[in-house]
Protein backbone atom coordinates (compact mmCIF):
# COMPACT_ATOMS: atom_id res chain seq x y z
CA UNK A 1 13.01 -0.13 14.83
CA UNK A 2 15.58 0.67 12.15
CA UNK A 3 14.69 0.19 8.50
CA UNK A 4 16.35 0.64 5.13
CA UNK A 5 14.21 1.55 2.11
CA UNK A 6 15.84 0.44 -1.14
CA UNK A 7 14.29 2.34 -4.05
CA UNK A 8 14.66 1.50 -7.71
CA UNK A 9 14.10 4.94 -9.31
CA UNK A 10 13.38 3.25 -12.66
CA UNK A 11 10.52 1.15 -11.28
CA UNK A 12 7.71 1.33 -13.82
CA UNK A 13 4.74 1.77 -11.46
CA UNK A 14 6.00 4.63 -9.28
CA UNK A 15 6.69 8.34 -9.52
CA UNK A 16 8.72 10.74 -7.40
CA UNK A 17 5.51 11.86 -5.72
CA UNK A 18 4.53 8.31 -4.78
CA UNK A 19 8.03 7.66 -3.50
CA UNK A 20 7.85 10.77 -1.30
CA UNK A 21 4.50 9.63 0.11
CA UNK A 22 5.92 6.20 0.88
CA UNK A 23 8.94 7.68 2.66
CA UNK A 24 6.74 9.89 4.86
CA UNK A 25 4.48 6.93 5.70
CA UNK A 26 7.40 4.69 6.68
CA UNK A 27 9.04 7.45 8.70
CA UNK A 28 5.93 7.51 10.88
CA UNK A 29 6.57 3.90 11.90
CA UNK A 30 10.36 3.31 11.82
CA UNK A 31 13.74 5.01 11.96
CA UNK A 32 14.22 5.12 8.19
CA UNK A 33 17.22 5.38 5.88
CA UNK A 34 16.53 5.73 2.15
CA UNK A 35 18.91 4.60 -0.58
CA UNK A 36 18.39 4.67 -4.35
CA UNK A 37 19.84 1.99 -6.58
CA UNK A 38 22.29 3.28 -9.18
CA UNK A 39 23.08 0.17 -11.22
CA UNK A 40 22.20 -3.49 -11.60
CA UNK A 41 23.23 -5.40 -8.49
CA UNK A 42 23.28 -2.30 -6.27
CA UNK A 43 20.31 -3.49 -4.18
CA UNK A 44 22.32 -6.59 -3.26
CA UNK A 45 25.14 -4.44 -1.89
CA UNK A 46 22.74 -2.18 0.03
CA UNK A 47 20.80 -5.05 1.61
CA UNK A 48 23.96 -6.92 2.63
CA UNK A 49 25.36 -3.78 4.28
CA UNK A 50 22.04 -3.24 6.08
CA UNK A 51 22.14 -6.78 7.48
CA UNK A 52 25.72 -6.29 8.62
CA UNK A 53 24.82 -3.02 10.38
CA UNK A 54 21.95 -4.51 12.37
CA UNK A 55 19.00 -2.99 10.53
CA UNK A 56 15.69 -4.61 11.55
CA UNK A 57 13.80 -4.38 8.25
CA UNK A 58 14.78 -3.96 4.60
CA UNK A 59 11.97 -2.48 2.49
CA UNK A 60 12.12 -2.60 -1.29
CA UNK A 61 10.28 -0.34 -3.72
CA UNK A 62 10.65 -1.79 -7.19
CA UNK A 63 9.85 -4.86 -9.22
CA UNK A 64 10.78 -8.51 -8.83
CA UNK A 65 14.35 -7.83 -9.95
CA UNK A 66 14.89 -5.37 -7.08
CA UNK A 67 13.40 -7.88 -4.63
CA UNK A 68 15.69 -10.63 -5.92
CA UNK A 69 18.77 -8.48 -5.53
CA UNK A 70 17.82 -7.47 -1.98
CA UNK A 71 17.15 -11.09 -1.01
CA UNK A 72 20.56 -12.11 -2.35
CA UNK A 73 22.14 -9.33 -0.31
CA UNK A 74 20.45 -10.55 2.86
CA UNK A 75 21.21 -14.21 2.20
CA UNK A 76 24.91 -13.59 1.59
CA UNK A 77 25.40 -11.45 4.71
CA UNK A 78 27.62 -13.06 7.37
CA UNK A 79 24.64 -13.62 9.69
CA UNK A 80 22.85 -15.64 7.03
CA UNK A 81 25.89 -17.72 6.14
CA UNK A 82 26.39 -18.53 9.83
CA UNK A 83 22.77 -19.60 10.16
CA UNK A 84 22.22 -21.68 7.04
CA UNK A 85 22.50 -24.91 9.02
CA UNK A 86 19.72 -23.68 11.31
CA UNK A 87 17.13 -20.96 10.72
CA UNK A 88 18.73 -18.06 8.82
CA UNK A 89 15.42 -16.18 8.87
CA UNK A 90 15.83 -15.19 12.51
CA UNK A 91 19.41 -13.99 12.10
CA UNK A 92 18.50 -11.51 9.36
CA UNK A 93 16.45 -8.35 8.93
CA UNK A 94 12.90 -8.98 7.82
CA UNK A 95 11.98 -8.11 4.24
CA UNK A 96 9.04 -5.87 3.29
CA UNK A 97 8.08 -5.51 -0.37
CA UNK A 98 6.25 -2.50 -1.79
CA UNK A 99 5.13 -3.45 -5.33
CA UNK A 100 6.53 -0.98 -7.84
CA UNK A 101 7.18 -3.02 -10.98
CA UNK A 102 5.05 -4.08 -13.90
CA UNK A 103 4.15 -7.60 -12.65
CA UNK A 104 5.22 -7.94 -8.98
CA UNK A 105 4.86 -11.72 -8.87
CA UNK A 106 6.55 -12.16 -5.48
CA UNK A 107 4.45 -9.54 -3.70
CA UNK A 108 1.22 -10.84 -5.20
CA UNK A 109 2.13 -14.46 -4.36
CA UNK A 110 2.45 -13.32 -0.75
CA UNK A 111 -1.08 -11.96 -0.93
CA UNK A 112 -0.11 -8.29 -0.97
CA UNK A 113 -2.25 -5.83 -2.93
CA UNK A 114 -1.08 -5.07 -6.44
CA UNK A 115 -0.79 -1.29 -5.97
CA UNK A 116 2.01 0.37 -4.04
CA UNK A 117 -0.34 2.47 -1.87
CA UNK A 118 -2.42 -0.46 -0.60
CA UNK A 119 0.73 -2.55 -0.27
CA UNK A 120 2.29 0.14 1.91
CA UNK A 121 -0.74 0.09 4.21
CA UNK A 122 -0.43 -3.67 4.70
CA UNK A 123 3.29 -3.34 5.45
CA UNK A 124 2.72 -0.53 7.96
CA UNK A 125 0.13 -2.65 9.76
CA UNK A 126 2.52 -5.59 9.78
CA UNK A 127 5.36 -3.49 11.20
CA UNK A 128 3.17 -2.07 13.94
CA UNK A 129 1.70 -5.48 14.84
CA UNK A 130 5.00 -7.37 14.55
CA UNK A 131 3.42 -9.62 11.91
CA UNK A 132 5.60 -11.66 9.55
CA UNK A 133 5.74 -14.90 7.62
CA UNK A 134 8.75 -17.22 7.35
CA UNK A 135 9.26 -18.52 3.80
CA UNK A 136 11.59 -20.85 1.99
CA UNK A 137 13.73 -19.74 -0.94
CA UNK A 138 15.27 -21.48 -3.91
CA UNK A 139 18.97 -21.40 -4.69
CA UNK A 140 20.45 -21.93 -8.14
CA UNK A 141 24.19 -22.51 -7.71
CA UNK A 142 25.17 -19.46 -5.63
CA UNK A 143 22.17 -17.25 -6.46
CA UNK A 144 18.87 -17.20 -4.53
CA UNK A 145 15.41 -16.80 -6.05
CA UNK A 146 12.02 -16.08 -4.53
CA UNK A 147 9.45 -17.49 -6.94
CA UNK A 148 10.87 -18.92 -10.17
CA UNK A 149 13.89 -20.01 -12.17
CA UNK A 150 14.14 -21.30 -15.70
CA UNK A 151 16.55 -22.88 -18.12
CA UNK A 152 15.74 -23.03 -21.82
CA UNK A 153 12.59 -21.70 -23.49
CA UNK A 154 11.14 -19.51 -20.74
CA UNK A 155 14.53 -17.91 -20.07
CA UNK A 156 15.02 -17.30 -23.80
CA UNK A 157 11.66 -15.50 -23.81
CA UNK A 158 12.82 -13.34 -20.89
CA UNK A 159 15.97 -12.54 -22.86
CA UNK A 160 13.88 -11.42 -25.86
CA UNK A 161 11.69 -9.25 -23.65
CA UNK A 162 14.71 -7.60 -21.99
CA UNK A 163 16.21 -6.89 -25.40
CA UNK A 164 12.93 -5.32 -26.53
CA UNK A 165 12.78 -3.16 -23.39
CA UNK A 166 16.31 -1.91 -24.07
CA UNK A 167 14.96 -0.74 -27.43
CA UNK A 168 12.27 1.26 -25.63
CA UNK A 169 9.37 -1.22 -25.60
CA UNK A 170 7.03 -1.34 -22.61
CA UNK A 171 6.66 -4.59 -20.67
CA UNK A 172 3.15 -5.88 -21.41
CA UNK A 173 1.51 -9.33 -21.67
CA UNK A 174 1.44 -8.83 -25.44
CA UNK A 175 5.19 -8.29 -25.54
CA UNK A 176 5.75 -11.60 -23.70
CA UNK A 177 3.37 -13.46 -26.00
CA UNK A 178 5.14 -12.12 -29.10
CA UNK A 179 8.50 -13.06 -27.60
CA UNK A 180 7.21 -16.56 -26.86
CA UNK A 181 5.90 -17.02 -30.38
CA UNK A 182 9.16 -15.80 -31.87
CA UNK A 183 11.22 -18.14 -29.71
CA UNK A 184 9.05 -21.18 -30.41
CA UNK A 185 9.17 -20.68 -34.17
CA UNK A 186 12.86 -19.77 -34.43
CA UNK A 187 14.45 -21.67 -31.53
CA UNK A 188 17.06 -24.28 -32.37
CA UNK A 189 16.20 -26.91 -29.75
CA UNK A 190 12.94 -28.37 -31.06
CA UNK A 191 14.47 -31.43 -32.73
CA UNK A 192 17.25 -32.11 -30.22
CA UNK A 193 16.22 -31.22 -26.62
CA UNK A 194 19.47 -30.54 -24.73
CA UNK A 195 18.51 -30.73 -21.04
CA UNK A 196 18.84 -33.61 -18.57
CA UNK A 197 17.43 -33.65 -15.03
CA UNK A 198 19.51 -35.38 -12.36
CA UNK A 199 18.16 -36.17 -8.88
CA UNK A 200 19.93 -37.90 -5.96
CA UNK A 201 19.00 -41.58 -5.92
CA UNK A 202 16.81 -41.36 -9.05
CA UNK A 203 17.30 -42.16 -12.72
CA UNK A 204 18.13 -39.16 -14.88
CA UNK A 205 15.52 -37.65 -17.21
CA UNK A 206 17.17 -36.73 -20.54
CA UNK A 207 15.64 -35.13 -23.62
CA UNK A 208 14.07 -32.07 -21.95
CA UNK A 209 13.57 -28.92 -24.00
CA UNK A 210 12.92 -26.48 -21.16
CA UNK A 211 12.74 -26.55 -17.36
CA UNK A 212 10.68 -24.20 -15.17
CA UNK A 213 11.28 -24.24 -11.40
CA UNK A 214 8.80 -22.76 -8.93
CA UNK A 215 9.28 -21.85 -5.27
CA UNK A 216 5.64 -20.82 -4.99
CA UNK A 217 2.48 -20.51 -7.03
CA UNK A 218 1.68 -18.90 -9.34
CA UNK A 219 4.56 -18.97 -11.79
CA UNK A 220 3.64 -15.55 -13.19
CA UNK A 221 0.68 -13.33 -14.06
CA UNK A 222 -0.81 -12.21 -17.35
CA UNK A 223 -2.50 -9.00 -16.31
CA UNK A 224 -4.76 -9.95 -13.41
CA UNK A 225 -4.77 -13.67 -14.15
CA UNK A 226 -2.31 -16.07 -12.52
CA UNK A 227 -0.51 -18.63 -14.69
CA UNK A 228 -0.14 -21.75 -12.60
CA UNK A 229 1.64 -24.78 -14.13
CA UNK A 230 2.45 -26.12 -10.63
CA UNK A 231 -0.45 -24.97 -8.41
CA UNK A 232 0.78 -26.98 -5.40
CA UNK A 233 4.08 -25.08 -5.24
CA UNK A 234 4.40 -23.26 -1.92
CA UNK A 235 6.70 -21.01 0.10
CA UNK A 236 6.31 -23.66 2.83
CA UNK A 237 7.62 -26.60 0.77
CA UNK A 238 10.48 -27.54 -1.54
CA UNK A 239 10.76 -26.73 -5.22
CA UNK A 240 8.32 -27.74 -7.96
CA UNK A 241 9.38 -28.44 -11.54
CA UNK A 242 7.70 -28.40 -14.94
CA UNK A 243 9.64 -29.66 -17.97
CA UNK A 244 8.68 -30.19 -21.60
CA UNK A 245 10.25 -33.21 -23.27
CA UNK A 246 10.12 -31.63 -26.70
CA UNK A 247 9.48 -28.19 -28.15
CA UNK A 248 7.67 -29.02 -31.36
CA UNK A 249 5.41 -26.16 -32.36
CA UNK A 250 2.19 -28.15 -32.01
CA UNK A 251 3.04 -29.59 -28.57
CA UNK A 252 4.30 -26.27 -27.22
CA UNK A 253 1.25 -24.43 -28.52
CA UNK A 254 -0.98 -27.00 -26.83
CA UNK A 255 0.80 -26.49 -23.49
CA UNK A 256 0.53 -22.70 -23.78
CA UNK A 257 -3.18 -23.07 -24.54
CA UNK A 258 -3.63 -25.29 -21.48
CA UNK A 259 -1.88 -22.70 -19.33
CA UNK A 260 -4.12 -19.99 -20.75
CA UNK A 261 -7.22 -21.65 -19.28
CA UNK A 262 -8.05 -20.50 -15.79
CA UNK A 263 -7.58 -24.04 -14.43
CA UNK A 264 -4.05 -24.31 -15.86
CA UNK A 265 -2.95 -27.96 -15.50
CA UNK A 266 -0.68 -28.61 -18.53
CA UNK A 267 -0.65 -32.29 -19.41
CA UNK A 268 0.37 -34.70 -22.16
CA UNK A 269 3.17 -37.14 -22.92
CA UNK A 270 5.65 -34.30 -23.38
CA UNK A 271 4.91 -32.74 -19.95
CA UNK A 272 6.99 -33.79 -16.94
CA UNK A 273 6.26 -32.43 -13.44
CA UNK A 274 7.68 -32.99 -9.96
CA UNK A 275 6.58 -31.63 -6.57
CA UNK A 276 8.37 -30.61 -3.35
CA UNK A 277 11.99 -31.31 -4.33
CA UNK A 278 14.88 -30.68 -1.94
CA UNK A 279 17.56 -30.57 -4.65
CA UNK A 280 18.31 -31.49 -8.25
CA UNK A 281 20.63 -30.57 -11.10
CA UNK A 282 19.86 -29.62 -14.68
CA UNK A 283 22.64 -30.34 -17.20
CA UNK A 284 22.65 -29.21 -20.82
CA UNK A 285 24.56 -30.47 -23.82
CA UNK A 286 24.97 -26.87 -25.00
CA UNK A 287 24.59 -23.41 -23.42
CA UNK A 288 21.01 -22.47 -22.55
CA UNK A 289 19.35 -19.21 -21.53
CA UNK A 290 18.95 -18.92 -17.75
CA UNK A 291 16.66 -16.69 -15.67
CA UNK A 292 15.87 -16.11 -12.02
CA UNK A 293 12.75 -14.25 -10.86
CA UNK A 294 12.25 -12.90 -14.37
CA UNK A 295 15.79 -11.54 -14.84
CA UNK A 296 17.93 -12.95 -17.64
CA UNK A 297 21.35 -14.03 -16.29
CA UNK A 298 23.12 -15.28 -19.39
CA UNK A 299 23.67 -18.86 -20.51
CA UNK A 300 24.49 -21.95 -18.45
CA UNK A 301 25.20 -25.62 -19.13
CA UNK A 302 24.75 -26.87 -15.58
CA UNK A 303 22.72 -25.50 -12.66
CA UNK A 304 22.32 -27.08 -9.22
CA UNK A 305 19.01 -26.21 -7.53
CA UNK A 306 18.41 -26.42 -3.77
CA UNK A 307 15.43 -25.56 -1.59
CA UNK A 308 16.42 -23.45 1.42
CA UNK A 309 13.73 -23.89 4.10
CA UNK A 310 12.81 -21.19 6.65
CA UNK A 311 15.17 -18.79 4.94
CA UNK A 312 13.55 -15.38 5.28
CA UNK A 313 11.02 -13.40 7.33
CA UNK A 314 8.64 -11.33 5.21
CA UNK A 315 6.28 -8.62 6.46
CA UNK A 316 2.87 -9.31 4.97
């Protein structure tokens, strides 16, 4: 079995020693090639080339951003494009994820252990036993995502966090909470929500202040605790959506408080949720922050979302 290990050397939860241990462990089970990412988007190039060369498994060591890039490389390989009308999962290398970032939402949503060492053990067992799971993905225009996408408030918070990290700050739950508070109090969209949801055969839903899309549950984690606005979201179904009709400070604070409780379940007149959607479009009257799998991707005024069933095999 041939495998490619894609390593993000800047992953926050790994060291050179842990990377060396991982390489030796994988070499005991597969014919391994190791490549280190050198820039943003490099994992996409490496994974696409691996798929084109007939590699059996692509393993990532990094955070959710590295996973997202690798998935996009696999899903844009010629074998995937040829199989999108059928089952692309069985035309592509399987994906194995070793958690190496600060949050690792995708790996944890799959049920993998939080630490890289325990995660590696699970992956090695899966490789030896031929065990995998077929999951669906989300697609936003031409970019795939594994667990979440957002337009508006949550993406603006991601943008603030990324800017803080560029200034040397460490990614922590406290940093996200401060970014959220800053965006809520200074954002310009509270009085005039710019987003409209459009669905085939349904009336449009205007006046939305932010839209969060989930391909699985949970949406994210705060430390060890999952944050679950759409707990029925699943890798086996379509996309789930949570939108807020307005972003007034009091209403937004109430929703955040509801999410902070272990049961989650945000509710109220300003909360709009949908389950198991095949496709929809979000249109904005002005440019809005946009994120996929926790990576800020600039501003958009229109994004078309599609659920891609049976898209990928994952070792877990």
